[in-house]
Amino acid sequence: MMRSSITIARVRGIDIGVNWSWFVIAGLIVWSLADAVFPGIKPGLDTTVYVVMAVVATVLFFTSLILHELGHATQALREGMRIEGITLWIFGGVAKFSGMFPSAMAEFRVAVAGPLVTLLIGAVMLGASAIPGSPAAVDGVVEWLAIVNFALLVFNMLPAFPMDGGRVLRSLIWRANGDFAHATAVAGGIGRAFGQFFIVGGLLLFFLTGVFGGAWIALIGWFVIGAGQAEVRMARLRDAFEGKTVADLMVTEPLTVEPSLPLAAFTEAVLPESRFRAYPVVESGRLLGLLTARAALAPPRGTGGASAGAATVGDAMVQLDHALVLPADKDLGDAAIELMQTEPGRALVPDGRGGLAGLLSITDVARSLELPGRRGVG
């Protein structure tokens, strides 16, 4: 997932942020609404009014996208999943889930939660647009929001995996045959066909008619194909490790560091000798967190009142409650997917007594797939 460059809110512990690309599409929407859309549906108003209408409508539009993604995220939390955040970007909004859906019906409930929110928003806007006596500017904004939310609802429910409709399709196939990898492959193939149709149709629309929306449809098709292929690869990865757990692959005696160790000593003595990407931080047998090589080389300045030169491992480490922590008996396929979705691709495995049982690395996962007799992921 794209990284959020700015965090704008936090709801139920879920960070909501915007990627730099969001500013591009937000600006285009404001310009399009003020220059063409609102003058077309509500003619005769002042130019300044159209600009204000466009800004307000854009803000409310992206608010509706956030609410849509919060619908997904809230239901995912109810299903026991972990949410890494919601990001607004050039293609709208996306909620980032960590790990796998616990069941087919869990995915179904999460997939339909967002569209149900969009349906509710569209219905409210439609009802508001029918209220008599509203100012033309207000009526224009409300009417546009109703139309665009219903349009998004229909588009989102197309079975173009990994869009919402595609996830609904996969969940139903998964429930019918009990085979997650097969369900993903089928949904992914249908999604790829939709993506190709979007690309071809969008480009034809753009070059034959000059409508810029055609280029946008083609970009969405490209995104659908890329995201769908990534989901298929993850499903194959999960299938490749069927029957295996984290304990089967974790390193049981990884190199650890103490929180009191100065970062200068770590970077001068420990890092050059080992050159690992991350190190568990342990003190007196107690697991405290994870230190990444990147964080060690760019230590926090003035943490706890100390100068950068006096910073310690404890100052730069990721606290245990913010690190990826996996139980030893967790399915290895699910764990591998979480490692792929999380920087730095390392997971701490606790021993159940407050100590460290091992460290699981995405590098070890990838290496194990190359061993003879192990199925590849394509």
Protein backbone atom coordinates (compact mmCIF):
# COMPACT_ATOMS: atom_id res chain seq x y z
CA MET A 1 0.00 0.00 0.00
CA MET A 2 1.08 3.57 -0.63
CA ARG A 3 2.38 5.42 2.42
CA SER A 4 0.45 8.26 4.00
CA SER A 5 2.42 11.48 3.87
CA ILE A 6 0.07 13.36 6.22
CA THR A 7 -2.06 11.99 9.04
CA ILE A 8 -5.30 13.95 9.24
CA ALA A 9 -7.29 12.03 11.86
CA ARG A 10 -7.44 8.99 14.12
CA VAL A 11 -10.73 7.12 14.61
CA ARG A 12 -11.05 4.11 16.91
CA GLY A 13 -7.28 3.75 16.87
CA ILE A 14 -7.20 3.80 13.04
CA ASP A 15 -4.91 6.38 11.46
CA ILE A 16 -6.43 8.22 8.50
CA GLY A 17 -3.91 9.83 6.19
CA VAL A 18 -3.48 11.30 2.74
CA ASN A 19 -0.89 10.36 0.16
CA TRP A 20 0.65 13.15 -1.94
CA SER A 21 -1.22 11.86 -4.99
CA TRP A 22 -4.52 12.75 -3.29
CA PHE A 23 -3.79 16.45 -3.76
CA VAL A 24 -3.64 15.88 -7.53
CA ILE A 25 -7.07 14.31 -7.81
CA ALA A 26 -8.60 16.68 -5.24
CA GLY A 27 -7.43 19.65 -7.28
CA LEU A 28 -8.77 18.14 -10.51
CA ILE A 29 -12.17 17.49 -8.91
CA VAL A 30 -12.43 21.04 -7.59
CA TRP A 31 -11.50 22.47 -10.99
CA SER A 32 -13.92 20.20 -12.86
CA LEU A 33 -16.84 20.93 -10.53
CA ALA A 34 -16.30 24.70 -10.52
CA ASP A 35 -15.63 24.99 -14.25
CA ALA A 36 -18.17 22.62 -15.79
CA VAL A 37 -20.31 20.44 -13.52
CA PHE A 38 -21.99 22.97 -11.23
CA PRO A 39 -22.43 25.66 -13.93
CA GLY A 40 -24.16 22.96 -15.96
CA ILE A 41 -26.61 21.78 -13.30
CA LYS A 42 -27.13 25.14 -11.55
CA PRO A 43 -26.59 27.87 -14.16
CA GLY A 44 -26.65 31.58 -13.43
CA LEU A 45 -24.67 31.62 -10.17
CA ASP A 46 -21.57 33.71 -9.45
CA THR A 47 -18.14 32.22 -10.23
CA THR A 48 -17.12 32.54 -6.59
CA VAL A 49 -20.20 30.54 -5.58
CA TYR A 50 -19.23 27.75 -7.97
CA VAL A 51 -15.73 27.62 -6.48
CA VAL A 52 -17.11 27.42 -2.92
CA MET A 53 -19.56 24.74 -4.01
CA ALA A 54 -16.72 22.78 -5.61
CA VAL A 55 -14.51 22.93 -2.52
CA VAL A 56 -17.34 21.94 -0.18
CA ALA A 57 -18.47 19.12 -2.48
CA THR A 58 -14.91 17.79 -2.78
CA VAL A 59 -14.41 17.77 0.99
CA LEU A 60 -17.74 15.99 1.51
CA PHE A 61 -16.96 13.55 -1.29
CA PHE A 62 -13.69 12.48 0.31
CA THR A 63 -15.40 12.38 3.69
CA SER A 64 -17.83 9.88 2.20
CA LEU A 65 -14.87 7.83 0.95
CA ILE A 66 -13.38 7.83 4.44
CA LEU A 67 -16.72 6.70 5.88
CA HIS A 68 -16.85 3.95 3.27
CA GLU A 69 -13.40 2.71 4.31
CA LEU A 70 -14.29 3.05 8.00
CA GLY A 71 -17.21 0.75 7.27
CA HIS A 72 -14.75 -1.87 6.03
CA ALA A 73 -12.34 -1.22 8.90
CA THR A 74 -14.96 -1.30 11.66
CA GLN A 75 -16.32 -4.62 10.47
CA ALA A 76 -12.77 -5.98 10.11
CA LEU A 77 -12.10 -5.08 13.74
CA ARG A 78 -15.24 -6.96 14.72
CA GLU A 79 -13.89 -9.97 12.87
CA GLY A 80 -10.71 -9.82 14.96
CA MET A 81 -8.48 -8.40 12.21
CA ARG A 82 -5.80 -5.76 12.60
CA ILE A 83 -6.10 -2.46 10.73
CA GLU A 84 -2.96 -0.55 9.81
CA GLY A 85 -4.76 2.55 8.60
CA ILE A 86 -6.83 4.26 5.93
CA THR A 87 -5.21 6.28 3.17
CA LEU A 88 -6.70 8.69 0.66
CA TRP A 89 -4.80 8.64 -2.61
CA ILE A 90 -5.23 9.22 -6.31
CA PHE A 91 -7.68 6.32 -6.76
CA GLY A 92 -9.84 7.26 -3.76
CA GLY A 93 -9.50 5.53 -0.43
CA VAL A 94 -8.11 2.23 0.81
CA ALA A 95 -8.21 0.49 4.19
CA LYS A 96 -5.10 -1.55 4.92
CA PHE A 97 -5.75 -4.89 6.63
CA SER A 98 -2.93 -6.88 8.20
CA GLY A 99 -3.12 -10.63 7.67
CA MET A 100 -5.86 -12.83 6.27
CA PHE A 101 -9.62 -12.93 6.61
CA PRO A 102 -10.49 -15.55 9.24
CA SER A 103 -13.27 -17.07 7.11
CA ALA A 104 -15.19 -16.68 3.87
CA MET A 105 -18.17 -15.07 5.56
CA ALA A 106 -15.86 -12.73 7.47
CA GLU A 107 -14.54 -11.46 4.14
CA PHE A 108 -18.10 -11.17 2.83
CA ARG A 109 -19.18 -9.06 5.82
CA VAL A 110 -16.10 -6.83 5.57
CA ALA A 111 -16.52 -6.43 1.80
CA VAL A 112 -20.20 -5.37 1.95
CA ALA A 113 -19.77 -3.06 4.96
CA GLY A 114 -18.25 -0.25 2.89
CA PRO A 115 -20.86 -0.32 0.10
CA LEU A 116 -23.64 -0.34 2.71
CA VAL A 117 -22.21 2.89 4.13
CA THR A 118 -22.05 4.39 0.63
CA LEU A 119 -25.65 3.32 0.01
CA LEU A 120 -26.73 5.05 3.23
CA ILE A 121 -24.86 8.24 2.32
CA GLY A 122 -26.38 8.26 -1.16
CA ALA A 123 -29.87 7.74 0.26
CA VAL A 124 -29.41 10.58 2.78
CA MET A 125 -28.15 12.93 0.07
CA LEU A 126 -31.01 11.94 -2.24
CA GLY A 127 -33.52 12.66 0.51
CA ALA A 128 -31.87 16.00 1.28
CA SER A 129 -31.98 17.00 -2.40
CA ALA A 130 -35.76 16.52 -2.36
CA ILE A 131 -36.28 19.06 0.44
CA PRO A 132 -38.09 22.07 -1.10
CA GLY A 133 -36.80 25.59 -0.70
CA SER A 134 -33.09 24.78 -0.43
CA PRO A 135 -30.68 27.40 -1.85
CA ALA A 136 -29.50 26.54 -5.34
CA ALA A 137 -25.88 26.18 -4.22
CA VAL A 138 -26.76 23.75 -1.41
CA ASP A 139 -29.13 21.81 -3.64
CA GLY A 140 -26.44 21.48 -6.32
CA VAL A 141 -23.86 20.08 -3.91
CA VAL A 142 -26.30 17.63 -2.32
CA GLU A 143 -27.61 16.46 -5.69
CA TRP A 144 -24.08 15.84 -6.99
CA LEU A 145 -23.11 13.93 -3.84
CA ALA A 146 -26.16 11.69 -4.20
CA ILE A 147 -25.35 10.93 -7.84
CA VAL A 148 -21.65 10.29 -7.27
CA ASN A 149 -22.22 8.03 -4.24
CA PHE A 150 -24.71 5.88 -6.12
CA ALA A 151 -22.34 5.75 -9.11
CA LEU A 152 -19.48 4.67 -6.84
CA LEU A 153 -21.71 2.04 -5.26
CA VAL A 154 -22.50 0.49 -8.64
CA PHE A 155 -18.88 0.68 -9.80
CA ASN A 156 -17.50 -0.75 -6.54
CA MET A 157 -19.82 -3.73 -6.72
CA LEU A 158 -18.61 -4.83 -10.14
CA PRO A 159 -16.97 -8.28 -9.72
CA ALA A 160 -13.58 -6.80 -10.59
CA PHE A 161 -11.35 -8.29 -7.89
CA PRO A 162 -9.94 -6.81 -5.65
CA MET A 163 -12.71 -4.20 -5.70
CA ASP A 164 -15.55 -4.74 -3.22
CA GLY A 165 -17.69 -6.68 -5.68
CA GLY A 166 -14.72 -8.90 -6.49
CA ARG A 167 -14.13 -9.60 -2.82
CA VAL A 168 -17.78 -10.52 -2.40
CA LEU A 169 -17.39 -12.90 -5.36
CA ARG A 170 -14.26 -14.49 -3.88
CA SER A 171 -15.90 -14.94 -0.50
CA LEU A 172 -18.88 -16.73 -2.06
CA ILE A 173 -16.64 -19.03 -4.14
CA TRP A 174 -14.45 -19.65 -1.09
CA ARG A 175 -17.50 -20.58 1.01
CA ALA A 176 -18.85 -22.85 -1.73
CA ASN A 177 -15.70 -24.93 -2.27
CA GLY A 178 -13.63 -24.25 0.85
CA ASP A 179 -10.52 -23.55 -1.24
CA PHE A 180 -9.20 -20.01 -0.67
CA ALA A 181 -6.44 -20.26 -3.29
CA HIS A 182 -8.83 -21.50 -5.99
CA ALA A 183 -11.41 -18.84 -5.10
CA THR A 184 -8.72 -16.16 -5.36
CA ALA A 185 -7.51 -17.49 -8.70
CA VAL A 186 -11.04 -17.47 -10.16
CA ALA A 187 -11.86 -14.01 -8.79
CA GLY A 188 -8.45 -12.76 -9.91
CA GLY A 189 -9.02 -14.01 -13.46
CA ILE A 190 -12.39 -12.27 -13.63
CA GLY A 191 -10.86 -9.11 -12.17
CA ARG A 192 -8.06 -9.21 -14.73
CA ALA A 193 -10.62 -9.44 -17.54
CA PHE A 194 -12.46 -6.42 -16.13
CA GLY A 195 -9.17 -4.55 -15.81
CA GLN A 196 -8.29 -5.24 -19.44
CA PHE A 197 -11.75 -4.11 -20.50
CA PHE A 198 -11.32 -0.87 -18.51
CA ILE A 199 -7.94 -0.22 -20.14
CA VAL A 200 -9.07 -0.87 -23.71
CA GLY A 201 -12.43 0.87 -23.31
CA GLY A 202 -10.92 3.83 -21.47
CA LEU A 203 -8.19 4.38 -24.05
CA LEU A 204 -10.68 4.16 -26.92
CA LEU A 205 -12.93 6.67 -25.17
CA PHE A 206 -10.00 9.01 -24.59
CA PHE A 207 -8.48 8.88 -28.10
CA LEU A 208 -11.73 8.76 -30.08
CA THR A 209 -13.72 11.35 -28.14
CA GLY A 210 -11.08 13.28 -26.21
CA VAL A 211 -12.91 12.67 -22.92
CA PHE A 212 -10.31 12.75 -20.13
CA GLY A 213 -12.42 10.33 -18.09
CA GLY A 214 -11.39 7.63 -20.54
CA ALA A 215 -7.76 7.92 -19.46
CA TRP A 216 -8.91 7.74 -15.84
CA ILE A 217 -10.87 4.52 -16.52
CA ALA A 218 -7.76 3.04 -18.15
CA LEU A 219 -5.68 3.90 -15.08
CA ILE A 220 -8.24 2.21 -12.85
CA GLY A 221 -8.02 -0.87 -15.06
CA TRP A 222 -4.25 -0.91 -14.67
CA PHE A 223 -4.64 -0.65 -10.89
CA VAL A 224 -7.22 -3.46 -10.77
CA ILE A 225 -4.93 -5.81 -12.72
CA GLY A 226 -1.87 -5.02 -10.58
CA ALA A 227 -3.67 -5.24 -7.24
CA GLY A 228 -5.49 -8.42 -8.27
CA GLN A 229 -2.26 -10.13 -9.30
CA ALA A 230 -0.71 -9.22 -5.94
CA GLU A 231 -3.69 -10.82 -4.14
CA VAL A 232 -3.35 -13.99 -6.23
CA ARG A 233 0.35 -14.23 -5.39
CA MET A 234 -0.43 -13.89 -1.68
CA ALA A 235 -3.06 -16.61 -1.91
CA ARG A 236 -0.52 -18.92 -3.57
CA LEU A 237 1.96 -18.09 -0.85
CA ARG A 238 -0.58 -19.05 1.81
CA ASP A 239 -1.29 -22.30 -0.01
CA ALA A 240 2.42 -23.09 -0.36
CA PHE A 241 2.82 -23.20 3.43
CA GLU A 242 -0.30 -25.21 4.18
CA GLY A 243 0.11 -27.18 7.41
CA LYS A 244 3.16 -25.21 8.54
CA THR A 245 3.39 -22.81 11.48
CA VAL A 246 5.65 -19.93 12.47
CA ALA A 247 7.56 -22.26 14.80
CA ASP A 248 8.62 -24.38 11.81
CA LEU A 249 10.59 -21.57 10.21
CA MET A 250 11.49 -19.01 12.88
CA VAL A 251 15.07 -18.51 14.04
CA THR A 252 15.09 -19.66 17.65
CA GLU A 253 18.28 -17.91 18.74
CA PRO A 254 18.46 -14.60 16.86
CA LEU A 255 21.05 -11.98 17.70
CA THR A 256 19.53 -9.68 20.33
CA VAL A 257 20.57 -6.31 21.74
CA GLU A 258 19.93 -4.60 25.07
CA PRO A 259 18.05 -1.29 25.28
CA SER A 260 20.86 0.39 27.20
CA LEU A 261 23.41 -0.18 24.42
CA PRO A 262 24.45 3.17 22.87
CA LEU A 263 23.47 3.43 19.24
CA ALA A 264 26.98 4.56 18.39
CA ALA A 265 28.36 1.30 19.79
CA PHE A 266 25.70 -0.69 17.96
CA THR A 267 26.43 0.88 14.57
CA GLU A 268 30.21 0.64 15.03
CA ALA A 269 30.49 -2.88 16.44
CA VAL A 270 27.30 -4.93 16.08
CA LEU A 271 25.86 -3.82 12.75
CA PRO A 272 29.04 -4.22 10.62
CA GLU A 273 29.57 -7.76 11.93
CA SER A 274 26.00 -9.02 11.50
CA ARG A 275 24.31 -6.82 8.88
CA PHE A 276 20.79 -7.94 9.74
CA ARG A 277 17.80 -5.70 9.00
CA ALA A 278 16.34 -5.97 12.51
CA TYR A 279 17.31 -7.07 16.01
CA PRO A 280 15.05 -8.10 18.91
CA VAL A 281 15.58 -5.93 21.97
CA VAL A 282 15.75 -7.97 25.16
CA GLU A 283 16.60 -7.01 28.72
CA SER A 284 17.06 -9.60 31.49
CA GLY A 285 15.14 -12.13 29.42
CA ARG A 286 12.21 -9.76 28.80
CA LEU A 287 11.23 -8.92 25.22
CA LEU A 288 10.88 -5.15 24.77
CA GLY A 289 10.76 -4.42 21.07
CA LEU A 290 12.57 -4.47 17.74
CA LEU A 291 15.45 -2.33 16.50
CA THR A 292 15.75 -1.89 12.73
CA ALA A 293 19.06 -1.12 11.09
CA ARG A 294 17.46 1.86 9.39
CA ALA A 295 16.33 3.35 12.70
CA ALA A 296 19.74 2.76 14.21
CA LEU A 297 21.45 4.64 11.39
CA ALA A 298 19.01 7.55 11.73
CA PRO A 299 18.59 7.84 15.52
CA PRO A 300 15.99 10.13 17.09
CA ARG A 301 17.33 13.53 18.06
CA GLY A 302 17.03 14.63 21.64
CA THR A 303 14.95 11.62 22.73
CA GLY A 304 14.40 11.88 26.45
CA GLY A 305 16.51 15.00 26.55
CA ALA A 306 19.61 13.19 25.30
CA SER A 307 21.72 14.34 22.40
CA ALA A 308 21.87 12.27 19.22
CA GLY A 309 25.32 11.00 20.25
CA ALA A 310 23.99 9.68 23.57
CA ALA A 311 20.96 7.90 22.07
CA THR A 312 20.51 4.24 22.98
CA VAL A 313 18.91 1.22 21.38
CA GLY A 314 15.90 1.79 23.62
CA ASP A 315 15.44 5.28 22.16
CA ALA A 316 15.33 4.04 18.56
CA MET A 317 13.57 0.69 18.89
CA VAL A 318 9.97 -0.04 17.90
CA GLN A 319 8.05 -0.73 21.10
CA LEU A 320 6.61 -4.22 21.44
CA ASP A 321 3.01 -3.06 21.08
CA HIS A 322 3.86 -1.41 17.72
CA ALA A 323 5.98 -4.24 16.30
CA LEU A 324 4.66 -7.23 14.37
CA VAL A 325 4.26 -9.98 16.97
CA LEU A 326 3.18 -13.46 15.89
CA PRO A 327 2.41 -16.53 18.01
CA ALA A 328 4.53 -19.60 17.33
CA ASP A 329 1.48 -21.67 16.35
CA LYS A 330 0.19 -19.19 13.75
CA ASP A 331 -0.31 -20.51 10.23
CA LEU A 332 2.91 -19.81 8.32
CA GLY A 333 1.11 -18.75 5.15
CA ASP A 334 -0.89 -16.11 7.02
CA ALA A 335 2.27 -15.01 8.82
CA ALA A 336 4.17 -14.68 5.54
CA ILE A 337 1.47 -12.39 4.16
CA GLU A 338 1.66 -10.18 7.26
CA LEU A 339 5.45 -10.02 6.87
CA MET A 340 5.04 -8.90 3.25
CA GLN A 341 2.69 -6.12 4.33
CA THR A 342 4.81 -4.81 7.20
CA GLU A 343 8.18 -3.08 7.34
CA PRO A 344 10.88 -4.30 7.92
CA GLY A 345 9.57 -7.78 7.10
CA ARG A 346 10.45 -9.18 10.54
CA ALA A 347 8.17 -10.56 13.25
CA LEU A 348 8.89 -11.18 16.92
CA VAL A 349 7.69 -14.49 18.32
CA PRO A 350 7.13 -14.36 22.11
CA ASP A 351 7.52 -17.42 24.33
CA GLY A 352 4.38 -16.80 26.39
CA ARG A 353 6.37 -15.84 29.49
CA GLY A 354 7.41 -12.36 28.44
CA GLY A 355 10.54 -13.53 26.67
CA LEU A 356 11.61 -14.21 23.09
CA ALA A 357 10.98 -17.56 21.39
CA GLY A 358 12.28 -16.55 17.98
CA LEU A 359 12.34 -14.20 15.02
CA LEU A 360 10.58 -14.77 11.70
CA SER A 361 12.03 -13.07 8.62
CA ILE A 362 10.52 -12.57 5.18
CA THR A 363 13.98 -13.42 3.85
CA ASP A 364 13.80 -16.87 5.46
CA VAL A 365 10.28 -17.29 4.09
CA ALA A 366 11.42 -16.47 0.55
CA ARG A 367 14.47 -18.71 0.88
CA SER A 368 12.37 -21.65 2.05
CA LEU A 369 10.24 -21.41 -1.09
CA GLU A 370 13.36 -22.09 -3.16
CA LEU A 371 14.07 -25.39 -1.40
CA PRO A 372 13.54 -28.63 -3.37
CA GLY A 373 10.05 -30.05 -2.92
CA ARG A 374 8.50 -26.72 -1.93
CA ARG A 375 5.75 -25.33 -4.17
CA GLY A 376 6.50 -21.93 -5.65
CA VAL A 377 4.21 -18.96 -5.66
CA GLY A 378 4.58 -17.98 -9.31
